[in-house]
Amino acid sequence: MGTLAIGALRVVIALALAGSLGVQVVLMPIVWADLEGTDAAPRATFIALVVLGIVTLQISAVCVWRLLTLVRRESVFSAAAFKFVDVVIGSTVAAAVIAFAIAVLLALGEAAPGVVGLICGLSLVIAGVALLIFVLRALLTQAVSRDTEARFLRSELDEVI
């Protein structure tokens, strides 16, 4: 991956992190105030679930940033990459569960069935992304294995020469 692509992706991640922090700090209090007429428990639960959902995205963004650092150092095919990929998988699964919990919370209230259905669909898509990342993790495992084997064979060849 080129330096330009890594730099561009880092800019996007930085903007996404800044925007998500802005949503947490600025918009969530506004949403809290807009929901003033609702019961306290569902209101607090909804806000907490949305904030937790944003946190899952922030965690994934930080892990992708760390993976980009490994790519830049040309050490992405190492055991260090797995912990970041595993955290991304976990946070993506958590985001899917949180989205489904929001749909359930809205279904218990007075939300339109279409909105609840859309959020359930979103939850399914997020779970699909988690499965895709899991498959990509398996490919990373194969790449690390091949890289280790290639290094071993190179060292053997160097000894013969």
N, C-alpha and C. Protein backbone atom coordinates (compact mmCIF):
# COMPACT_ATOMS: atom_id res chain seq x y z
N MET A 1 0.86 -1.17 0.00
CA MET A 1 0.00 0.00 0.00
C MET A 1 0.90 1.23 0.00
N GLY A 2 0.57 2.18 -0.86
CA GLY A 2 1.40 3.35 -1.02
C GLY A 2 1.26 4.34 0.13
N THR A 3 2.26 5.18 0.22
CA THR A 3 2.28 6.19 1.27
C THR A 3 1.11 7.15 1.13
N LEU A 4 0.75 7.48 -0.10
CA LEU A 4 -0.37 8.39 -0.34
C LEU A 4 -1.69 7.77 0.15
N ALA A 5 -1.89 6.49 -0.14
CA ALA A 5 -3.12 5.81 0.30
C ALA A 5 -3.19 5.73 1.82
N ILE A 6 -2.07 5.42 2.44
CA ILE A 6 -2.04 5.34 3.91
C ILE A 6 -2.32 6.72 4.51
N GLY A 7 -1.71 7.75 3.95
CA GLY A 7 -1.95 9.10 4.44
C GLY A 7 -3.41 9.52 4.26
N ALA A 8 -3.98 9.22 3.10
CA ALA A 8 -5.38 9.58 2.85
C ALA A 8 -6.31 8.85 3.81
N LEU A 9 -6.04 7.57 4.04
CA LEU A 9 -6.88 6.81 4.96
C LEU A 9 -6.75 7.34 6.39
N ARG A 10 -5.56 7.75 6.76
CA ARG A 10 -5.38 8.32 8.10
C ARG A 10 -6.13 9.64 8.25
N VAL A 11 -6.17 10.43 7.20
CA VAL A 11 -6.94 11.68 7.24
C VAL A 11 -8.42 11.36 7.42
N VAL A 12 -8.92 10.38 6.68
CA VAL A 12 -10.32 9.98 6.80
C VAL A 12 -10.62 9.48 8.21
N ILE A 13 -9.73 8.65 8.75
CA ILE A 13 -9.92 8.12 10.11
C ILE A 13 -9.91 9.26 11.13
N ALA A 14 -8.98 10.19 10.98
CA ALA A 14 -8.90 11.32 11.92
C ALA A 14 -10.17 12.17 11.86
N LEU A 15 -10.67 12.41 10.65
CA LEU A 15 -11.91 13.18 10.51
C LEU A 15 -13.09 12.43 11.11
N ALA A 16 -13.14 11.11 10.88
CA ALA A 16 -14.22 10.30 11.44
C ALA A 16 -14.17 10.30 12.97
N LEU A 17 -12.98 10.19 13.53
CA LEU A 17 -12.86 10.22 14.99
C LEU A 17 -13.27 11.58 15.55
N ALA A 18 -12.85 12.65 14.89
CA ALA A 18 -13.23 13.99 15.34
C ALA A 18 -14.74 14.18 15.22
N GLY A 19 -15.32 13.74 14.13
CA GLY A 19 -16.76 13.86 13.94
C GLY A 19 -17.54 13.04 14.95
N SER A 20 -17.07 11.83 15.22
CA SER A 20 -17.78 10.98 16.20
C SER A 20 -17.67 11.57 17.60
N LEU A 21 -16.55 12.15 17.92
CA LEU A 21 -16.41 12.81 19.22
C LEU A 21 -17.35 14.01 19.30
N GLY A 22 -17.48 14.75 18.20
CA GLY A 22 -18.41 15.86 18.15
C GLY A 22 -19.85 15.40 18.35
N VAL A 23 -20.20 14.27 17.75
CA VAL A 23 -21.55 13.72 17.93
C VAL A 23 -21.78 13.38 19.39
N GLN A 24 -20.79 12.75 20.02
CA GLN A 24 -20.94 12.38 21.42
C GLN A 24 -21.07 13.60 22.33
N VAL A 25 -20.28 14.61 22.07
CA VAL A 25 -20.22 15.76 22.98
C VAL A 25 -21.33 16.78 22.68
N VAL A 26 -21.64 16.99 21.41
CA VAL A 26 -22.59 18.05 21.04
C VAL A 26 -23.99 17.51 20.78
N LEU A 27 -24.09 16.49 19.92
CA LEU A 27 -25.41 16.03 19.50
C LEU A 27 -26.14 15.18 20.54
N MET A 28 -25.42 14.37 21.29
CA MET A 28 -26.11 13.51 22.26
C MET A 28 -26.85 14.31 23.34
N PRO A 29 -26.28 15.40 23.86
CA PRO A 29 -27.08 16.22 24.79
C PRO A 29 -28.32 16.84 24.13
N ILE A 30 -28.21 17.17 22.84
CA ILE A 30 -29.36 17.73 22.12
C ILE A 30 -30.44 16.65 21.95
N VAL A 31 -30.03 15.44 21.59
CA VAL A 31 -30.99 14.34 21.48
C VAL A 31 -31.62 14.06 22.84
N TRP A 32 -30.83 14.10 23.89
CA TRP A 32 -31.35 13.90 25.26
C TRP A 32 -32.44 14.93 25.56
N ALA A 33 -32.18 16.18 25.20
CA ALA A 33 -33.16 17.24 25.44
C ALA A 33 -34.41 17.05 24.57
N ASP A 34 -34.22 16.59 23.33
CA ASP A 34 -35.36 16.36 22.44
C ASP A 34 -36.27 15.24 22.95
N LEU A 35 -35.71 14.30 23.68
CA LEU A 35 -36.49 13.17 24.20
C LEU A 35 -37.05 13.45 25.59
N GLU A 36 -37.14 14.70 25.97
CA GLU A 36 -37.53 15.08 27.32
C GLU A 36 -38.91 14.56 27.71
N GLY A 37 -39.83 14.42 26.79
CA GLY A 37 -41.18 13.97 27.12
C GLY A 37 -41.30 12.48 27.33
N THR A 38 -40.25 11.71 27.07
CA THR A 38 -40.32 10.25 27.20
C THR A 38 -39.91 9.82 28.61
N ASP A 39 -40.17 8.55 28.90
CA ASP A 39 -39.77 8.00 30.20
C ASP A 39 -38.26 8.02 30.34
N ALA A 40 -37.80 8.13 31.57
CA ALA A 40 -36.36 8.27 31.83
C ALA A 40 -35.56 7.02 31.45
N ALA A 41 -36.08 5.84 31.77
CA ALA A 41 -35.31 4.61 31.51
C ALA A 41 -35.09 4.37 30.01
N PRO A 42 -36.14 4.40 29.17
CA PRO A 42 -35.88 4.20 27.74
C PRO A 42 -35.03 5.31 27.13
N ARG A 43 -35.21 6.51 27.62
CA ARG A 43 -34.43 7.65 27.14
C ARG A 43 -32.96 7.45 27.43
N ALA A 44 -32.63 7.09 28.66
CA ALA A 44 -31.23 6.87 29.05
C ALA A 44 -30.66 5.66 28.32
N THR A 45 -31.47 4.62 28.17
CA THR A 45 -31.00 3.42 27.48
C THR A 45 -30.68 3.73 26.03
N PHE A 46 -31.55 4.47 25.38
CA PHE A 46 -31.32 4.83 23.98
C PHE A 46 -30.04 5.63 23.81
N ILE A 47 -29.87 6.64 24.64
CA ILE A 47 -28.66 7.48 24.55
C ILE A 47 -27.42 6.64 24.83
N ALA A 48 -27.48 5.78 25.84
CA ALA A 48 -26.33 4.93 26.17
C ALA A 48 -25.99 4.00 25.02
N LEU A 49 -27.01 3.41 24.38
CA LEU A 49 -26.76 2.50 23.26
C LEU A 49 -26.15 3.24 22.07
N VAL A 50 -26.62 4.43 21.80
CA VAL A 50 -26.06 5.20 20.68
C VAL A 50 -24.60 5.57 20.98
N VAL A 51 -24.33 6.01 22.19
CA VAL A 51 -22.95 6.36 22.56
C VAL A 51 -22.06 5.12 22.49
N LEU A 52 -22.53 3.99 22.99
CA LEU A 52 -21.75 2.75 22.90
C LEU A 52 -21.51 2.34 21.45
N GLY A 53 -22.51 2.54 20.60
CA GLY A 53 -22.34 2.25 19.18
C GLY A 53 -21.25 3.10 18.56
N ILE A 54 -21.23 4.37 18.93
CA ILE A 54 -20.18 5.26 18.43
C ILE A 54 -18.81 4.83 18.96
N VAL A 55 -18.76 4.39 20.20
CA VAL A 55 -17.50 3.92 20.78
C VAL A 55 -16.96 2.72 20.01
N THR A 56 -17.85 1.82 19.57
CA THR A 56 -17.39 0.65 18.79
C THR A 56 -16.74 1.12 17.49
N LEU A 57 -17.30 2.14 16.87
CA LEU A 57 -16.70 2.67 15.65
C LEU A 57 -15.34 3.32 15.94
N GLN A 58 -15.25 4.02 17.06
CA GLN A 58 -13.98 4.65 17.42
C GLN A 58 -12.90 3.60 17.70
N ILE A 59 -13.28 2.53 18.37
CA ILE A 59 -12.32 1.46 18.65
C ILE A 59 -11.81 0.85 17.35
N SER A 60 -12.73 0.59 16.43
CA SER A 60 -12.33 0.03 15.14
C SER A 60 -11.41 0.98 14.39
N ALA A 61 -11.71 2.27 14.44
CA ALA A 61 -10.88 3.25 13.74
C ALA A 61 -9.46 3.28 14.30
N VAL A 62 -9.33 3.22 15.61
CA VAL A 62 -8.00 3.22 16.23
C VAL A 62 -7.24 1.96 15.83
N CYS A 63 -7.92 0.83 15.81
CA CYS A 63 -7.25 -0.42 15.42
C CYS A 63 -6.82 -0.40 13.95
N VAL A 64 -7.65 0.17 13.09
CA VAL A 64 -7.26 0.29 11.67
C VAL A 64 -6.06 1.22 11.55
N TRP A 65 -6.03 2.27 12.34
CA TRP A 65 -4.87 3.18 12.36
C TRP A 65 -3.61 2.40 12.72
N ARG A 66 -3.71 1.57 13.76
CA ARG A 66 -2.55 0.77 14.18
C ARG A 66 -2.15 -0.23 13.09
N LEU A 67 -3.13 -0.82 12.41
CA LEU A 67 -2.82 -1.73 11.30
C LEU A 67 -2.12 -0.98 10.17
N LEU A 68 -2.52 0.25 9.91
CA LEU A 68 -1.84 1.05 8.90
C LEU A 68 -0.39 1.32 9.28
N THR A 69 -0.15 1.49 10.57
CA THR A 69 1.23 1.66 11.04
C THR A 69 2.04 0.40 10.74
N LEU A 70 1.43 -0.77 10.96
CA LEU A 70 2.13 -2.02 10.64
C LEU A 70 2.37 -2.14 9.14
N VAL A 71 1.41 -1.70 8.33
CA VAL A 71 1.59 -1.74 6.87
C VAL A 71 2.75 -0.84 6.47
N ARG A 72 2.79 0.36 7.05
CA ARG A 72 3.87 1.30 6.71
C ARG A 72 5.23 0.73 7.08
N ARG A 73 5.29 0.01 8.20
CA ARG A 73 6.56 -0.58 8.65
C ARG A 73 6.84 -1.92 7.97
N GLU A 74 5.94 -2.33 7.09
CA GLU A 74 6.04 -3.60 6.37
C GLU A 74 6.11 -4.78 7.33
N SER A 75 5.34 -4.70 8.41
CA SER A 75 5.29 -5.80 9.36
C SER A 75 3.85 -6.23 9.66
N VAL A 76 2.98 -6.00 8.68
CA VAL A 76 1.57 -6.35 8.89
C VAL A 76 1.38 -7.87 8.91
N PHE A 77 2.28 -8.61 8.25
CA PHE A 77 2.19 -10.07 8.26
C PHE A 77 2.94 -10.62 9.46
N SER A 78 2.45 -10.25 10.65
CA SER A 78 3.07 -10.68 11.89
C SER A 78 1.97 -10.95 12.90
N ALA A 79 2.37 -11.53 14.03
CA ALA A 79 1.40 -11.84 15.08
C ALA A 79 0.80 -10.58 15.68
N ALA A 80 1.50 -9.45 15.59
CA ALA A 80 0.99 -8.20 16.16
C ALA A 80 -0.30 -7.75 15.49
N ALA A 81 -0.47 -8.08 14.22
CA ALA A 81 -1.67 -7.64 13.50
C ALA A 81 -2.93 -8.34 14.00
N PHE A 82 -2.79 -9.56 14.51
CA PHE A 82 -3.97 -10.33 14.90
C PHE A 82 -4.75 -9.70 16.05
N LYS A 83 -4.04 -9.11 17.00
CA LYS A 83 -4.77 -8.53 18.12
C LYS A 83 -5.64 -7.36 17.66
N PHE A 84 -5.15 -6.56 16.71
CA PHE A 84 -5.94 -5.44 16.21
C PHE A 84 -7.13 -5.93 15.38
N VAL A 85 -6.89 -6.95 14.56
CA VAL A 85 -7.98 -7.51 13.76
C VAL A 85 -9.04 -8.13 14.67
N ASP A 86 -8.59 -8.83 15.71
CA ASP A 86 -9.55 -9.44 16.65
C ASP A 86 -10.39 -8.38 17.36
N VAL A 87 -9.77 -7.26 17.72
CA VAL A 87 -10.52 -6.18 18.37
C VAL A 87 -11.54 -5.58 17.39
N VAL A 88 -11.15 -5.43 16.13
CA VAL A 88 -12.08 -4.91 15.12
C VAL A 88 -13.26 -5.86 14.97
N ILE A 89 -13.00 -7.16 14.93
CA ILE A 89 -14.08 -8.14 14.83
C ILE A 89 -15.00 -8.02 16.04
N GLY A 90 -14.43 -7.97 17.23
CA GLY A 90 -15.23 -7.86 18.45
C GLY A 90 -16.06 -6.59 18.49
N SER A 91 -15.46 -5.47 18.11
CA SER A 91 -16.22 -4.22 18.15
C SER A 91 -17.30 -4.18 17.07
N THR A 92 -17.07 -4.85 15.95
CA THR A 92 -18.09 -4.91 14.91
C THR A 92 -19.26 -5.78 15.34
N VAL A 93 -18.96 -6.90 15.99
CA VAL A 93 -20.04 -7.74 16.54
C VAL A 93 -20.82 -6.96 17.60
N ALA A 94 -20.11 -6.24 18.45
CA ALA A 94 -20.77 -5.42 19.48
C ALA A 94 -21.67 -4.37 18.82
N ALA A 95 -21.22 -3.76 17.73
CA ALA A 95 -22.03 -2.77 17.03
C ALA A 95 -23.31 -3.40 16.47
N ALA A 96 -23.20 -4.63 15.97
CA ALA A 96 -24.39 -5.32 15.46
C ALA A 96 -25.38 -5.59 16.58
N VAL A 97 -24.88 -6.03 17.72
CA VAL A 97 -25.75 -6.30 18.87
C VAL A 97 -26.39 -5.00 19.36
N ILE A 98 -25.62 -3.93 19.40
CA ILE A 98 -26.14 -2.63 19.85
C ILE A 98 -27.22 -2.13 18.90
N ALA A 99 -26.99 -2.26 17.59
CA ALA A 99 -28.01 -1.84 16.62
C ALA A 99 -29.30 -2.63 16.80
N PHE A 100 -29.17 -3.94 17.03
CA PHE A 100 -30.36 -4.76 17.26
C PHE A 100 -31.06 -4.35 18.56
N ALA A 101 -30.27 -4.03 19.59
CA ALA A 101 -30.86 -3.58 20.86
C ALA A 101 -31.61 -2.27 20.68
N ILE A 102 -31.09 -1.38 19.85
CA ILE A 102 -31.79 -0.13 19.57
C ILE A 102 -33.11 -0.42 18.86
N ALA A 103 -33.10 -1.38 17.92
CA ALA A 103 -34.33 -1.75 17.22
C ALA A 103 -35.36 -2.31 18.20
N VAL A 104 -34.91 -3.15 19.11
CA VAL A 104 -35.83 -3.71 20.12
C VAL A 104 -36.39 -2.60 20.99
N LEU A 105 -35.53 -1.70 21.42
CA LEU A 105 -35.98 -0.58 22.26
C LEU A 105 -37.02 0.27 21.53
N LEU A 106 -36.77 0.54 20.25
CA LEU A 106 -37.73 1.32 19.48
C LEU A 106 -39.02 0.56 19.24
N ALA A 107 -38.92 -0.76 19.07
CA ALA A 107 -40.12 -1.58 18.86
C ALA A 107 -41.00 -1.59 20.10
N LEU A 108 -40.40 -1.51 21.27
CA LEU A 108 -41.16 -1.47 22.51
C LEU A 108 -41.85 -0.12 22.69
N GLY A 109 -41.35 0.89 22.01
CA GLY A 109 -41.95 2.22 22.10
C GLY A 109 -42.96 2.42 20.99
N GLU A 110 -42.98 3.62 20.47
CA GLU A 110 -43.97 3.97 19.46
C GLU A 110 -43.34 4.20 18.09
N ALA A 111 -42.21 3.57 17.83
CA ALA A 111 -41.53 3.76 16.55
C ALA A 111 -42.29 3.04 15.45
N ALA A 112 -42.18 3.58 14.26
CA ALA A 112 -42.81 2.96 13.09
C ALA A 112 -42.15 1.62 12.80
N PRO A 113 -42.96 0.63 12.41
CA PRO A 113 -42.39 -0.69 12.12
C PRO A 113 -41.32 -0.66 11.03
N GLY A 114 -41.46 0.25 10.08
CA GLY A 114 -40.46 0.36 9.02
C GLY A 114 -39.10 0.78 9.56
N VAL A 115 -39.11 1.69 10.51
CA VAL A 115 -37.85 2.14 11.12
C VAL A 115 -37.20 0.99 11.88
N VAL A 116 -38.01 0.26 12.62
CA VAL A 116 -37.49 -0.89 13.37
C VAL A 116 -36.91 -1.92 12.40
N GLY A 117 -37.62 -2.16 11.30
CA GLY A 117 -37.13 -3.10 10.29
C GLY A 117 -35.83 -2.66 9.66
N LEU A 118 -35.74 -1.37 9.37
CA LEU A 118 -34.50 -0.84 8.80
C LEU A 118 -33.32 -1.01 9.75
N ILE A 119 -33.55 -0.75 11.02
CA ILE A 119 -32.47 -0.88 12.00
C ILE A 119 -32.09 -2.36 12.18
N CYS A 120 -33.09 -3.25 12.14
CA CYS A 120 -32.78 -4.69 12.18
C CYS A 120 -31.95 -5.10 10.97
N GLY A 121 -32.30 -4.55 9.80
CA GLY A 121 -31.51 -4.82 8.59
C GLY A 121 -30.10 -4.29 8.72
N LEU A 122 -29.97 -3.11 9.30
CA LEU A 122 -28.65 -2.54 9.55
C LEU A 122 -27.83 -3.45 10.46
N SER A 123 -28.48 -3.97 11.48
CA SER A 123 -27.81 -4.89 12.41
C SER A 123 -27.30 -6.12 11.67
N LEU A 124 -28.12 -6.63 10.76
CA LEU A 124 -27.72 -7.81 9.97
C LEU A 124 -26.54 -7.48 9.06
N VAL A 125 -26.55 -6.30 8.46
CA VAL A 125 -25.44 -5.89 7.59
C VAL A 125 -24.16 -5.75 8.40
N ILE A 126 -24.26 -5.15 9.58
CA ILE A 126 -23.07 -5.00 10.43
C ILE A 126 -22.52 -6.36 10.84
N ALA A 127 -23.41 -7.31 11.15
CA ALA A 127 -22.96 -8.67 11.48
C ALA A 127 -22.29 -9.30 10.27
N GLY A 128 -22.80 -9.03 9.07
CA GLY A 128 -22.16 -9.52 7.85
C GLY A 128 -20.76 -8.95 7.66
N VAL A 129 -20.58 -7.69 8.01
CA VAL A 129 -19.26 -7.07 7.93
C VAL A 129 -18.31 -7.76 8.92
N ALA A 130 -18.81 -8.09 10.11
CA ALA A 130 -17.98 -8.81 11.09
C ALA A 130 -17.55 -10.16 10.53
N LEU A 131 -18.48 -10.85 9.86
CA LEU A 131 -18.12 -12.14 9.25
C LEU A 131 -17.10 -11.95 8.13
N LEU A 132 -17.24 -10.89 7.35
CA LEU A 132 -16.27 -10.60 6.29
C LEU A 132 -14.88 -10.35 6.88
N ILE A 133 -14.83 -9.59 7.95
CA ILE A 133 -13.54 -9.32 8.60
C ILE A 133 -12.96 -10.62 9.15
N PHE A 134 -13.82 -11.50 9.66
CA PHE A 134 -13.35 -12.80 10.16
C PHE A 134 -12.72 -13.62 9.03
N VAL A 135 -13.34 -13.60 7.86
CA VAL A 135 -12.78 -14.30 6.70
C VAL A 135 -11.44 -13.68 6.31
N LEU A 136 -11.38 -12.36 6.33
CA LEU A 136 -10.11 -11.68 6.00
C LEU A 136 -9.03 -12.01 7.03
N ARG A 137 -9.44 -12.24 8.27
CA ARG A 137 -8.48 -12.66 9.30
C ARG A 137 -7.89 -14.02 8.95
N ALA A 138 -8.74 -14.91 8.44
CA ALA A 138 -8.24 -16.23 8.01
C ALA A 138 -7.24 -16.07 6.87
N LEU A 139 -7.50 -15.14 5.96
CA LEU A 139 -6.54 -14.88 4.89
C LEU A 139 -5.24 -14.31 5.44
N LEU A 140 -5.34 -13.46 6.46
CA LEU A 140 -4.14 -12.93 7.11
C LEU A 140 -3.34 -14.06 7.76
N THR A 141 -4.03 -15.02 8.35
CA THR A 141 -3.36 -16.17 8.95
C THR A 141 -2.56 -16.92 7.90
N GLN A 142 -3.18 -17.16 6.74
CA GLN A 142 -2.47 -17.84 5.65
C GLN A 142 -1.29 -17.03 5.15
N ALA A 143 -1.47 -15.72 5.05
CA ALA A 143 -0.38 -14.86 4.56
C ALA A 143 0.79 -14.85 5.54
N VAL A 144 0.50 -14.82 6.84
CA VAL A 144 1.56 -14.85 7.85
C VAL A 144 2.30 -16.17 7.77
N SER A 145 1.56 -17.26 7.59
CA SER A 145 2.18 -18.58 7.48
C SER A 145 3.09 -18.65 6.26
N ARG A 146 2.61 -18.14 5.13
CA ARG A 146 3.41 -18.16 3.90
C ARG A 146 4.64 -17.25 4.04
N ASP A 147 4.47 -16.12 4.69
CA ASP A 147 5.59 -15.19 4.88
C ASP A 147 6.65 -15.83 5.77
N THR A 148 6.22 -16.50 6.83
CA THR A 148 7.16 -17.18 7.72
C THR A 148 7.91 -18.28 6.97
N GLU A 149 7.18 -19.03 6.17
CA GLU A 149 7.80 -20.10 5.39
C GLU A 149 8.79 -19.53 4.38
N ALA A 150 8.42 -18.43 3.73
CA ALA A 150 9.31 -17.81 2.74
C ALA A 150 10.59 -17.29 3.41
N ARG A 151 10.46 -16.72 4.58
CA ARG A 151 11.66 -16.24 5.30
C ARG A 151 12.58 -17.41 5.67
N PHE A 152 11.96 -18.51 6.12
CA PHE A 152 12.75 -19.68 6.46
C PHE A 152 13.49 -20.22 5.24
N LEU A 153 12.77 -20.33 4.12
CA LEU A 153 13.40 -20.84 2.90
C LEU A 153 14.48 -19.90 2.39
N ARG A 154 14.27 -18.59 2.54
CA ARG A 154 15.30 -17.63 2.15
C ARG A 154 16.56 -17.79 2.99
N SER A 155 16.37 -17.99 4.29
CA SER A 155 17.53 -18.16 5.17
C SER A 155 18.26 -19.47 4.84
N GLU A 156 17.51 -20.51 4.52
CA GLU A 156 18.13 -21.78 4.12
C GLU A 156 18.92 -21.61 2.83
N LEU A 157 18.33 -20.88 1.88
CA LEU A 157 19.00 -20.64 0.62
C LEU A 157 20.27 -19.80 0.82
N ASP A 158 20.18 -18.82 1.70
CA ASP A 158 21.36 -17.99 1.99
C ASP A 158 22.49 -18.83 2.57
N GLU A 159 22.16 -19.82 3.39
CA GLU A 159 23.19 -20.69 3.97
C GLU A 159 23.82 -21.56 2.90
N VAL A 160 23.01 -22.02 1.96
CA VAL A 160 23.55 -22.88 0.89
C VAL A 160 24.47 -22.08 -0.02
N ILE A 161 24.09 -20.85 -0.29
CA ILE A 161 24.90 -20.01 -1.19
C ILE A 161 26.13 -19.55 -0.44
